[in-house]
């Protein structure tokens, strides 16, 4: 099972990104992203 999520920011090639990660899990989980407030733009993770 998932024990802990890791969330970090980075800047690559002139843009900022957020990385959400988990280690040593099975089966691999389903990952979804959202914003608050909701946005109509496609997030494309």
ModelCIF file with pLDDT and N, C-alpha, C, O atoms, coordinates in Angstrom:
data_MODEL
#
_entry.id   MODEL 
#
_entity.id                         1 
_entity.type                       polymer 
_entity.pdbx_number_of_molecules   1 
#
_entity_poly.entity_id                      1 
_entity_poly.type                           'polypeptide(L)' 
_entity_poly.nstd_linkage                   no 
_entity_poly.nstd_monomer                   no 
_entity_poly.pdbx_seq_one_letter_code       
;(UNK)(UNK)(UNK)(UNK)(UNK)(UNK)(UNK)(UNK)(UNK)(UNK)(UNK)(UNK)(UNK)(UNK)(UNK)(UNK)
(UNK)(UNK)(UNK)(UNK)(UNK)(UNK)(UNK)(UNK)(UNK)(UNK)(UNK)(UNK)(UNK)(UNK)(UNK)(UNK)
(UNK)(UNK)(UNK)(UNK)(UNK)(UNK)(UNK)(UNK)(UNK)(UNK)(UNK)(UNK)(UNK)
;
_entity_poly.pdbx_seq_one_letter_code_can   XXXXXXXXXXXXXXXXXXXXXXXXXXXXXXXXXXXXXXXXXXXXX 
_entity_poly.pdbx_strand_id                 A 
#
loop_
_entity_poly_seq.entity_id 
_entity_poly_seq.num 
_entity_poly_seq.mon_id 
_entity_poly_seq.hetero 
1 1  UNK n 
1 2  UNK n 
1 3  UNK n 
1 4  UNK n 
1 5  UNK n 
1 6  UNK n 
1 7  UNK n 
1 8  UNK n 
1 9  UNK n 
1 10 UNK n 
1 11 UNK n 
1 12 UNK n 
1 13 UNK n 
1 14 UNK n 
1 15 UNK n 
1 16 UNK n 
1 17 UNK n 
1 18 UNK n 
1 19 UNK n 
1 20 UNK n 
1 21 UNK n 
1 22 UNK n 
1 23 UNK n 
1 24 UNK n 
1 25 UNK n 
1 26 UNK n 
1 27 UNK n 
1 28 UNK n 
1 29 UNK n 
1 30 UNK n 
1 31 UNK n 
1 32 UNK n 
1 33 UNK n 
1 34 UNK n 
1 35 UNK n 
1 36 UNK n 
1 37 UNK n 
1 38 UNK n 
1 39 UNK n 
1 40 UNK n 
1 41 UNK n 
1 42 UNK n 
1 43 UNK n 
1 44 UNK n 
1 45 UNK n 
#
_struct_asym.id          A 
_struct_asym.entity_id   1 
#
loop_
_ma_qa_metric.id 
_ma_qa_metric.mode 
_ma_qa_metric.name 
_ma_qa_metric.software_group_id 
_ma_qa_metric.type 
1 global pLDDT . pLDDT 
2 local  pLDDT . pLDDT 
#
_ma_qa_metric_global.metric_id      1 
_ma_qa_metric_global.metric_value   88.67 
_ma_qa_metric_global.model_id       1 
_ma_qa_metric_global.ordinal_id     1 
#
loop_
_ma_qa_metric_local.label_asym_id 
_ma_qa_metric_local.label_comp_id 
_ma_qa_metric_local.label_seq_id 
_ma_qa_metric_local.metric_id 
_ma_qa_metric_local.metric_value 
_ma_qa_metric_local.model_id 
_ma_qa_metric_local.ordinal_id 
A UNK 1  2 91.00 1 1  
A UNK 2  2 91.00 1 2  
A UNK 3  2 88.00 1 3  
A UNK 4  2 89.00 1 4  
A UNK 5  2 90.00 1 5  
A UNK 6  2 93.00 1 6  
A UNK 7  2 91.00 1 7  
A UNK 8  2 90.00 1 8  
A UNK 9  2 88.00 1 9  
A UNK 10 2 82.00 1 10 
A UNK 11 2 79.00 1 11 
A UNK 12 2 71.00 1 12 
A UNK 13 2 65.00 1 13 
A UNK 14 2 71.00 1 14 
A UNK 15 2 80.00 1 15 
A UNK 16 2 87.00 1 16 
A UNK 17 2 90.00 1 17 
A UNK 18 2 92.00 1 18 
A UNK 19 2 94.00 1 19 
A UNK 20 2 94.00 1 20 
A UNK 21 2 95.00 1 21 
A UNK 22 2 95.00 1 22 
A UNK 23 2 94.00 1 23 
A UNK 24 2 94.00 1 24 
A UNK 25 2 94.00 1 25 
A UNK 26 2 94.00 1 26 
A UNK 27 2 92.00 1 27 
A UNK 28 2 92.00 1 28 
A UNK 29 2 93.00 1 29 
A UNK 30 2 93.00 1 30 
A UNK 31 2 94.00 1 31 
A UNK 32 2 93.00 1 32 
A UNK 33 2 93.00 1 33 
A UNK 34 2 92.00 1 34 
A UNK 35 2 91.00 1 35 
A UNK 36 2 90.00 1 36 
A UNK 37 2 90.00 1 37 
A UNK 38 2 88.00 1 38 
A UNK 39 2 85.00 1 39 
A UNK 40 2 81.00 1 40 
A UNK 41 2 83.00 1 41 
A UNK 42 2 86.00 1 42 
A UNK 43 2 89.00 1 43 
A UNK 44 2 90.00 1 44 
A UNK 45 2 93.00 1 45 
#
loop_
_atom_site.group_PDB 
_atom_site.id 
_atom_site.type_symbol 
_atom_site.label_atom_id 
_atom_site.label_alt_id 
_atom_site.label_comp_id 
_atom_site.label_asym_id 
_atom_site.label_entity_id 
_atom_site.label_seq_id 
_atom_site.pdbx_PDB_ins_code 
_atom_site.Cartn_x 
_atom_site.Cartn_y 
_atom_site.Cartn_z 
_atom_site.occupancy 
_atom_site.B_iso_or_equiv 
_atom_site.pdbx_formal_charge 
_atom_site.auth_seq_id 
_atom_site.auth_comp_id 
_atom_site.auth_asym_id 
_atom_site.auth_atom_id 
_atom_site.pdbx_PDB_model_num 
ATOM 1   N N  . UNK A 1 1  ? 0.808   -1.222 0.000   1.00 91.00 ? 1  UNK A N  1 
ATOM 2   C CA . UNK A 1 1  ? 0.000   0.000  0.000   1.00 91.00 ? 1  UNK A CA 1 
ATOM 3   C C  . UNK A 1 1  ? 0.842   1.272  0.000   1.00 91.00 ? 1  UNK A C  1 
ATOM 4   O O  . UNK A 1 1  ? 2.028   1.258  0.328   1.00 91.00 ? 1  UNK A O  1 
ATOM 5   N N  . UNK A 1 2  ? 0.206   2.347  -0.369  1.00 91.00 ? 2  UNK A N  1 
ATOM 6   C CA . UNK A 1 2  ? 0.840   3.662  -0.323  1.00 91.00 ? 2  UNK A CA 1 
ATOM 7   C C  . UNK A 1 2  ? 1.035   4.045  1.142   1.00 91.00 ? 2  UNK A C  1 
ATOM 8   O O  . UNK A 1 2  ? 0.099   3.983  1.939   1.00 91.00 ? 2  UNK A O  1 
ATOM 9   N N  . UNK A 1 3  ? 2.239   4.435  1.482   1.00 88.00 ? 3  UNK A N  1 
ATOM 10  C CA . UNK A 1 3  ? 2.538   4.889  2.841   1.00 88.00 ? 3  UNK A CA 1 
ATOM 11  C C  . UNK A 1 3  ? 2.721   6.399  2.920   1.00 88.00 ? 3  UNK A C  1 
ATOM 12  O O  . UNK A 1 3  ? 2.434   7.025  3.940   1.00 88.00 ? 3  UNK A O  1 
ATOM 13  N N  . UNK A 1 4  ? 3.207   6.970  1.817   1.00 89.00 ? 4  UNK A N  1 
ATOM 14  C CA . UNK A 1 4  ? 3.488   8.408  1.831   1.00 89.00 ? 4  UNK A CA 1 
ATOM 15  C C  . UNK A 1 4  ? 3.629   8.917  0.411   1.00 89.00 ? 4  UNK A C  1 
ATOM 16  O O  . UNK A 1 4  ? 4.201   8.237  -0.441  1.00 89.00 ? 4  UNK A O  1 
ATOM 17  N N  . UNK A 1 5  ? 3.111   10.111 0.150   1.00 90.00 ? 5  UNK A N  1 
ATOM 18  C CA . UNK A 1 5  ? 3.294   10.783 -1.132  1.00 90.00 ? 5  UNK A CA 1 
ATOM 19  C C  . UNK A 1 5  ? 4.354   11.871 -0.986  1.00 90.00 ? 5  UNK A C  1 
ATOM 20  O O  . UNK A 1 5  ? 4.469   12.508 0.062   1.00 90.00 ? 5  UNK A O  1 
ATOM 21  N N  . UNK A 1 6  ? 5.123   12.073 -2.053  1.00 93.00 ? 6  UNK A N  1 
ATOM 22  C CA . UNK A 1 6  ? 6.123   13.141 -2.085  1.00 93.00 ? 6  UNK A CA 1 
ATOM 23  C C  . UNK A 1 6  ? 5.704   14.161 -3.135  1.00 93.00 ? 6  UNK A C  1 
ATOM 24  O O  . UNK A 1 6  ? 5.321   13.800 -4.248  1.00 93.00 ? 6  UNK A O  1 
ATOM 25  N N  . UNK A 1 7  ? 5.781   15.435 -2.771  1.00 91.00 ? 7  UNK A N  1 
ATOM 26  C CA . UNK A 1 7  ? 5.407   16.512 -3.684  1.00 91.00 ? 7  UNK A CA 1 
ATOM 27  C C  . UNK A 1 7  ? 6.514   17.557 -3.677  1.00 91.00 ? 7  UNK A C  1 
ATOM 28  O O  . UNK A 1 7  ? 6.925   18.025 -2.616  1.00 91.00 ? 7  UNK A O  1 
ATOM 29  N N  . UNK A 1 8  ? 7.003   17.927 -4.881  1.00 90.00 ? 8  UNK A N  1 
ATOM 30  C CA . UNK A 1 8  ? 8.082   18.903 -4.969  1.00 90.00 ? 8  UNK A CA 1 
ATOM 31  C C  . UNK A 1 8  ? 7.943   19.727 -6.236  1.00 90.00 ? 8  UNK A C  1 
ATOM 32  O O  . UNK A 1 8  ? 7.308   19.307 -7.204  1.00 90.00 ? 8  UNK A O  1 
ATOM 33  N N  . UNK A 1 9  ? 8.557   20.926 -6.212  1.00 88.00 ? 9  UNK A N  1 
ATOM 34  C CA . UNK A 1 9  ? 8.553   21.814 -7.368  1.00 88.00 ? 9  UNK A CA 1 
ATOM 35  C C  . UNK A 1 9  ? 9.940   21.847 -7.991  1.00 88.00 ? 9  UNK A C  1 
ATOM 36  O O  . UNK A 1 9  ? 10.948  21.628 -7.319  1.00 88.00 ? 9  UNK A O  1 
ATOM 37  N N  . UNK A 1 10 ? 9.968   22.125 -9.285  1.00 82.00 ? 10 UNK A N  1 
ATOM 38  C CA . UNK A 1 10 ? 11.244  22.296 -9.975  1.00 82.00 ? 10 UNK A CA 1 
ATOM 39  C C  . UNK A 1 10 ? 11.031  23.217 -11.163 1.00 82.00 ? 10 UNK A C  1 
ATOM 40  O O  . UNK A 1 10 ? 9.900   23.459 -11.585 1.00 82.00 ? 10 UNK A O  1 
ATOM 41  N N  . UNK A 1 11 ? 12.138  23.729 -11.697 1.00 79.00 ? 11 UNK A N  1 
ATOM 42  C CA . UNK A 1 11 ? 12.081  24.592 -12.886 1.00 79.00 ? 11 UNK A CA 1 
ATOM 43  C C  . UNK A 1 11 ? 12.983  23.984 -13.951 1.00 79.00 ? 11 UNK A C  1 
ATOM 44  O O  . UNK A 1 11 ? 14.192  23.870 -13.753 1.00 79.00 ? 11 UNK A O  1 
ATOM 45  N N  . UNK A 1 12 ? 12.403  23.598 -15.073 1.00 71.00 ? 12 UNK A N  1 
ATOM 46  C CA . UNK A 1 12 ? 13.139  22.998 -16.170 1.00 71.00 ? 12 UNK A CA 1 
ATOM 47  C C  . UNK A 1 12 ? 12.781  23.700 -17.471 1.00 71.00 ? 12 UNK A C  1 
ATOM 48  O O  . UNK A 1 12 ? 11.606  23.937 -17.755 1.00 71.00 ? 12 UNK A O  1 
ATOM 49  N N  . UNK A 1 13 ? 13.806  24.034 -18.266 1.00 65.00 ? 13 UNK A N  1 
ATOM 50  C CA . UNK A 1 13 ? 13.605  24.611 -19.608 1.00 65.00 ? 13 UNK A CA 1 
ATOM 51  C C  . UNK A 1 13 ? 12.683  25.826 -19.575 1.00 65.00 ? 13 UNK A C  1 
ATOM 52  O O  . UNK A 1 13 ? 11.896  26.043 -20.496 1.00 65.00 ? 13 UNK A O  1 
ATOM 53  N N  . UNK A 1 14 ? 12.787  26.606 -18.518 1.00 71.00 ? 14 UNK A N  1 
ATOM 54  C CA . UNK A 1 14 ? 12.042  27.852 -18.484 1.00 71.00 ? 14 UNK A CA 1 
ATOM 55  C C  . UNK A 1 14 ? 10.629  27.749 -17.952 1.00 71.00 ? 14 UNK A C  1 
ATOM 56  O O  . UNK A 1 14 ? 9.918   28.754 -17.933 1.00 71.00 ? 14 UNK A O  1 
ATOM 57  N N  . UNK A 1 15 ? 10.196  26.596 -17.526 1.00 80.00 ? 15 UNK A N  1 
ATOM 58  C CA . UNK A 1 15 ? 8.852   26.501 -16.951 1.00 80.00 ? 15 UNK A CA 1 
ATOM 59  C C  . UNK A 1 15 ? 8.923   25.743 -15.626 1.00 80.00 ? 15 UNK A C  1 
ATOM 60  O O  . UNK A 1 15 ? 9.856   24.982 -15.371 1.00 80.00 ? 15 UNK A O  1 
ATOM 61  N N  . UNK A 1 16 ? 7.922   25.974 -14.806 1.00 87.00 ? 16 UNK A N  1 
ATOM 62  C CA . UNK A 1 16 ? 7.855   25.328 -13.507 1.00 87.00 ? 16 UNK A CA 1 
ATOM 63  C C  . UNK A 1 16 ? 6.948   24.101 -13.576 1.00 87.00 ? 16 UNK A C  1 
ATOM 64  O O  . UNK A 1 16 ? 5.934   24.097 -14.275 1.00 87.00 ? 16 UNK A O  1 
ATOM 65  N N  . UNK A 1 17 ? 7.329   23.076 -12.849 1.00 90.00 ? 17 UNK A N  1 
ATOM 66  C CA . UNK A 1 17 ? 6.502   21.881 -12.794 1.00 90.00 ? 17 UNK A CA 1 
ATOM 67  C C  . UNK A 1 17 ? 6.438   21.366 -11.367 1.00 90.00 ? 17 UNK A C  1 
ATOM 68  O O  . UNK A 1 17 ? 7.275   21.694 -10.526 1.00 90.00 ? 17 UNK A O  1 
ATOM 69  N N  . UNK A 1 18 ? 5.424   20.554 -11.117 1.00 92.00 ? 18 UNK A N  1 
ATOM 70  C CA . UNK A 1 18 ? 5.228   19.912 -9.825  1.00 92.00 ? 18 UNK A CA 1 
ATOM 71  C C  . UNK A 1 18 ? 5.322   18.409 -10.041 1.00 92.00 ? 18 UNK A C  1 
ATOM 72  O O  . UNK A 1 18 ? 4.722   17.865 -10.968 1.00 92.00 ? 18 UNK A O  1 
ATOM 73  N N  . UNK A 1 19 ? 6.084   17.742 -9.172  1.00 94.00 ? 19 UNK A N  1 
ATOM 74  C CA . UNK A 1 19 ? 6.204   16.285 -9.266  1.00 94.00 ? 19 UNK A CA 1 
ATOM 75  C C  . UNK A 1 19 ? 5.582   15.638 -8.041  1.00 94.00 ? 19 UNK A C  1 
ATOM 76  O O  . UNK A 1 19 ? 5.895   15.981 -6.901  1.00 94.00 ? 19 UNK A O  1 
ATOM 77  N N  . UNK A 1 20 ? 4.695   14.694 -8.309  1.00 94.00 ? 20 UNK A N  1 
ATOM 78  C CA . UNK A 1 20 ? 4.044   13.913 -7.265  1.00 94.00 ? 20 UNK A CA 1 
ATOM 79  C C  . UNK A 1 20 ? 4.523   12.468 -7.426  1.00 94.00 ? 20 UNK A C  1 
ATOM 80  O O  . UNK A 1 20 ? 4.383   11.892 -8.505  1.00 94.00 ? 20 UNK A O  1 
ATOM 81  N N  . UNK A 1 21 ? 5.086   11.875 -6.369  1.00 95.00 ? 21 UNK A N  1 
ATOM 82  C CA . UNK A 1 21 ? 5.681   10.555 -6.525  1.00 95.00 ? 21 UNK A CA 1 
ATOM 83  C C  . UNK A 1 21 ? 5.423   9.669  -5.312  1.00 95.00 ? 21 UNK A C  1 
ATOM 84  O O  . UNK A 1 21 ? 5.110   10.146 -4.221  1.00 95.00 ? 21 UNK A O  1 
ATOM 85  N N  . UNK A 1 22 ? 5.563   8.362  -5.537  1.00 95.00 ? 22 UNK A N  1 
ATOM 86  C CA . UNK A 1 22 ? 5.418   7.363  -4.488  1.00 95.00 ? 22 UNK A CA 1 
ATOM 87  C C  . UNK A 1 22 ? 6.366   6.210  -4.822  1.00 95.00 ? 22 UNK A C  1 
ATOM 88  O O  . UNK A 1 22 ? 6.648   5.947  -5.991  1.00 95.00 ? 22 UNK A O  1 
ATOM 89  N N  . UNK A 1 23 ? 6.849   5.533  -3.795  1.00 94.00 ? 23 UNK A N  1 
ATOM 90  C CA . UNK A 1 23 ? 7.818   4.454  -3.996  1.00 94.00 ? 23 UNK A CA 1 
ATOM 91  C C  . UNK A 1 23 ? 7.329   3.148  -3.385  1.00 94.00 ? 23 UNK A C  1 
ATOM 92  O O  . UNK A 1 23 ? 6.592   3.132  -2.399  1.00 94.00 ? 23 UNK A O  1 
ATOM 93  N N  . UNK A 1 24 ? 7.768   2.044  -4.010  1.00 94.00 ? 24 UNK A N  1 
ATOM 94  C CA . UNK A 1 24 ? 7.559   0.688  -3.477  1.00 94.00 ? 24 UNK A CA 1 
ATOM 95  C C  . UNK A 1 24 ? 6.093   0.397  -3.196  1.00 94.00 ? 24 UNK A C  1 
ATOM 96  O O  . UNK A 1 24 ? 5.713   0.109  -2.061  1.00 94.00 ? 24 UNK A O  1 
ATOM 97  N N  . UNK A 1 25 ? 5.269   0.474  -4.245  1.00 94.00 ? 25 UNK A N  1 
ATOM 98  C CA . UNK A 1 25 ? 3.844   0.172  -4.121  1.00 94.00 ? 25 UNK A CA 1 
ATOM 99  C C  . UNK A 1 25 ? 3.456   -0.922 -5.112  1.00 94.00 ? 25 UNK A C  1 
ATOM 100 O O  . UNK A 1 25 ? 4.136   -1.148 -6.113  1.00 94.00 ? 25 UNK A O  1 
ATOM 101 N N  . UNK A 1 26 ? 2.358   -1.588 -4.810  1.00 94.00 ? 26 UNK A N  1 
ATOM 102 C CA . UNK A 1 26 ? 1.775   -2.557 -5.737  1.00 94.00 ? 26 UNK A CA 1 
ATOM 103 C C  . UNK A 1 26 ? 0.314   -2.776 -5.341  1.00 94.00 ? 26 UNK A C  1 
ATOM 104 O O  . UNK A 1 26 ? -0.006  -2.894 -4.158  1.00 94.00 ? 26 UNK A O  1 
ATOM 105 N N  . UNK A 1 27 ? -0.570  -2.828 -6.345  1.00 92.00 ? 27 UNK A N  1 
ATOM 106 C CA . UNK A 1 27 ? -0.344  -2.527 -7.768  1.00 92.00 ? 27 UNK A CA 1 
ATOM 107 C C  . UNK A 1 27 ? -0.119  -1.034 -7.969  1.00 92.00 ? 27 UNK A C  1 
ATOM 108 O O  . UNK A 1 27 ? -0.384  -0.246 -7.061  1.00 92.00 ? 27 UNK A O  1 
ATOM 109 N N  . UNK A 1 28 ? 0.367   -0.629 -9.148  1.00 92.00 ? 28 UNK A N  1 
ATOM 110 C CA . UNK A 1 28 ? 0.577   0.803  -9.370  1.00 92.00 ? 28 UNK A CA 1 
ATOM 111 C C  . UNK A 1 28 ? -0.744  1.558  -9.261  1.00 92.00 ? 28 UNK A C  1 
ATOM 112 O O  . UNK A 1 28 ? -1.748  1.116  -9.820  1.00 92.00 ? 28 UNK A O  1 
ATOM 113 N N  . UNK A 1 29 ? -0.764  2.677  -8.558  1.00 93.00 ? 29 UNK A N  1 
ATOM 114 C CA . UNK A 1 29 ? -2.018  3.398  -8.336  1.00 93.00 ? 29 UNK A CA 1 
ATOM 115 C C  . UNK A 1 29 ? -2.455  4.205  -9.556  1.00 93.00 ? 29 UNK A C  1 
ATOM 116 O O  . UNK A 1 29 ? -1.689  4.427  -10.493 1.00 93.00 ? 29 UNK A O  1 
ATOM 117 N N  . UNK A 1 30 ? -3.694  4.627  -9.508  1.00 93.00 ? 30 UNK A N  1 
ATOM 118 C CA . UNK A 1 30 ? -4.227  5.544  -10.523 1.00 93.00 ? 30 UNK A CA 1 
ATOM 119 C C  . UNK A 1 30 ? -3.970  6.971  -10.052 1.00 93.00 ? 30 UNK A C  1 
ATOM 120 O O  . UNK A 1 30 ? -4.291  7.324  -8.917  1.00 93.00 ? 30 UNK A O  1 
ATOM 121 N N  . UNK A 1 31 ? -3.387  7.791  -10.929 1.00 94.00 ? 31 UNK A N  1 
ATOM 122 C CA . UNK A 1 31 ? -2.998  9.149  -10.558 1.00 94.00 ? 31 UNK A CA 1 
ATOM 123 C C  . UNK A 1 31 ? -3.910  10.151 -11.257 1.00 94.00 ? 31 UNK A C  1 
ATOM 124 O O  . UNK A 1 31 ? -4.117  10.071 -12.468 1.00 94.00 ? 31 UNK A O  1 
ATOM 125 N N  . UNK A 1 32 ? -4.453  11.092 -10.493 1.00 93.00 ? 32 UNK A N  1 
ATOM 126 C CA . UNK A 1 32 ? -5.271  12.165 -11.060 1.00 93.00 ? 32 UNK A CA 1 
ATOM 127 C C  . UNK A 1 32 ? -4.834  13.500 -10.466 1.00 93.00 ? 32 UNK A C  1 
ATOM 128 O O  . UNK A 1 32 ? -4.353  13.573 -9.335  1.00 93.00 ? 32 UNK A O  1 
ATOM 129 N N  . UNK A 1 33 ? -5.015  14.546 -11.257 1.00 93.00 ? 33 UNK A N  1 
ATOM 130 C CA . UNK A 1 33 ? -4.674  15.897 -10.823 1.00 93.00 ? 33 UNK A CA 1 
ATOM 131 C C  . UNK A 1 33 ? -5.907  16.789 -10.897 1.00 93.00 ? 33 UNK A C  1 
ATOM 132 O O  . UNK A 1 33 ? -6.803  16.575 -11.714 1.00 93.00 ? 33 UNK A O  1 
ATOM 133 N N  . UNK A 1 34 ? -5.930  17.786 -10.031 1.00 92.00 ? 34 UNK A N  1 
ATOM 134 C CA . UNK A 1 34 ? -7.017  18.769 -10.051 1.00 92.00 ? 34 UNK A CA 1 
ATOM 135 C C  . UNK A 1 34 ? -6.472  20.084 -9.498  1.00 92.00 ? 34 UNK A C  1 
ATOM 136 O O  . UNK A 1 34 ? -5.368  20.131 -8.957  1.00 92.00 ? 34 UNK A O  1 
ATOM 137 N N  . UNK A 1 35 ? -7.247  21.130 -9.637  1.00 91.00 ? 35 UNK A N  1 
ATOM 138 C CA . UNK A 1 35 ? -6.885  22.422 -9.055  1.00 91.00 ? 35 UNK A CA 1 
ATOM 139 C C  . UNK A 1 35 ? -8.050  22.959 -8.239  1.00 91.00 ? 35 UNK A C  1 
ATOM 140 O O  . UNK A 1 35 ? -9.207  22.590 -8.443  1.00 91.00 ? 35 UNK A O  1 
ATOM 141 N N  . UNK A 1 36 ? -7.712  23.829 -7.321  1.00 90.00 ? 36 UNK A N  1 
ATOM 142 C CA . UNK A 1 36 ? -8.740  24.513 -6.536  1.00 90.00 ? 36 UNK A CA 1 
ATOM 143 C C  . UNK A 1 36 ? -8.413  26.008 -6.522  1.00 90.00 ? 36 UNK A C  1 
ATOM 144 O O  . UNK A 1 36 ? -7.355  26.378 -6.012  1.00 90.00 ? 36 UNK A O  1 
ATOM 145 N N  . UNK A 1 37 ? -9.269  26.882 -7.055  1.00 90.00 ? 37 UNK A N  1 
ATOM 146 C CA . UNK A 1 37 ? -10.542 26.512 -7.684  1.00 90.00 ? 37 UNK A CA 1 
ATOM 147 C C  . UNK A 1 37 ? -10.324 25.764 -8.996  1.00 90.00 ? 37 UNK A C  1 
ATOM 148 O O  . UNK A 1 37 ? -9.235  25.815 -9.569  1.00 90.00 ? 37 UNK A O  1 
ATOM 149 N N  . UNK A 1 38 ? -11.356 25.071 -9.472  1.00 88.00 ? 38 UNK A N  1 
ATOM 150 C CA . UNK A 1 38 ? -11.223 24.302 -10.714 1.00 88.00 ? 38 UNK A CA 1 
ATOM 151 C C  . UNK A 1 38 ? -10.915 25.221 -11.898 1.00 88.00 ? 38 UNK A C  1 
ATOM 152 O O  . UNK A 1 38 ? -11.353 26.371 -11.943 1.00 88.00 ? 38 UNK A O  1 
ATOM 153 N N  . UNK A 1 39 ? -10.158 24.692 -12.847 1.00 85.00 ? 39 UNK A N  1 
ATOM 154 C CA . UNK A 1 39 ? -9.836  25.426 -14.063 1.00 85.00 ? 39 UNK A CA 1 
ATOM 155 C C  . UNK A 1 39 ? -10.299 24.622 -15.264 1.00 85.00 ? 39 UNK A C  1 
ATOM 156 O O  . UNK A 1 39 ? -10.341 23.392 -15.231 1.00 85.00 ? 39 UNK A O  1 
ATOM 157 N N  . UNK A 1 40 ? -10.644 25.334 -16.321 1.00 81.00 ? 40 UNK A N  1 
ATOM 158 C CA . UNK A 1 40 ? -11.110 24.656 -17.530 1.00 81.00 ? 40 UNK A CA 1 
ATOM 159 C C  . UNK A 1 40 ? -9.947  24.279 -18.455 1.00 81.00 ? 40 UNK A C  1 
ATOM 160 O O  . UNK A 1 40 ? -10.163 23.658 -19.495 1.00 81.00 ? 40 UNK A O  1 
ATOM 161 N N  . UNK A 1 41 ? -8.731  24.644 -18.087 1.00 83.00 ? 41 UNK A N  1 
ATOM 162 C CA . UNK A 1 41 ? -7.583  24.300 -18.918 1.00 83.00 ? 41 UNK A CA 1 
ATOM 163 C C  . UNK A 1 41 ? -7.208  22.832 -18.735 1.00 83.00 ? 41 UNK A C  1 
ATOM 164 O O  . UNK A 1 41 ? -7.375  22.256 -17.660 1.00 83.00 ? 41 UNK A O  1 
ATOM 165 N N  . UNK A 1 42 ? -6.694  22.243 -19.818 1.00 86.00 ? 42 UNK A N  1 
ATOM 166 C CA . UNK A 1 42 ? -6.244  20.848 -19.778 1.00 86.00 ? 42 UNK A CA 1 
ATOM 167 C C  . UNK A 1 42 ? -4.923  20.779 -19.028 1.00 86.00 ? 42 UNK A C  1 
ATOM 168 O O  . UNK A 1 42 ? -3.958  21.436 -19.417 1.00 86.00 ? 42 UNK A O  1 
ATOM 169 N N  . UNK A 1 43 ? -4.864  19.979 -17.939 1.00 89.00 ? 43 UNK A N  1 
ATOM 170 C CA . UNK A 1 43 ? -3.668  19.948 -17.103 1.00 89.00 ? 43 UNK A CA 1 
ATOM 171 C C  . UNK A 1 43 ? -2.523  19.142 -17.733 1.00 89.00 ? 43 UNK A C  1 
ATOM 172 O O  . UNK A 1 43 ? -1.361  19.514 -17.569 1.00 89.00 ? 43 UNK A O  1 
ATOM 173 N N  . UNK A 1 44 ? -2.811  18.085 -18.424 1.00 90.00 ? 44 UNK A N  1 
ATOM 174 C CA . UNK A 1 44 ? -1.837  17.279 -19.162 1.00 90.00 ? 44 UNK A CA 1 
ATOM 175 C C  . UNK A 1 44 ? -0.633  16.815 -18.323 1.00 90.00 ? 44 UNK A C  1 
ATOM 176 O O  . UNK A 1 44 ? 0.500   17.152 -18.667 1.00 90.00 ? 44 UNK A O  1 
ATOM 177 N N  . UNK A 1 45 ? -0.831  16.079 -17.271 1.00 93.00 ? 45 UNK A N  1 
ATOM 178 C CA . UNK A 1 45 ? 0.313   15.537 -16.525 1.00 93.00 ? 45 UNK A CA 1 
ATOM 179 C C  . UNK A 1 45 ? 0.973   14.403 -17.306 1.00 93.00 ? 45 UNK A C  1 
ATOM 180 O O  . UNK A 1 45 ? 1.952   13.821 -16.840 1.00 93.00 ? 45 UNK A O  1 
#
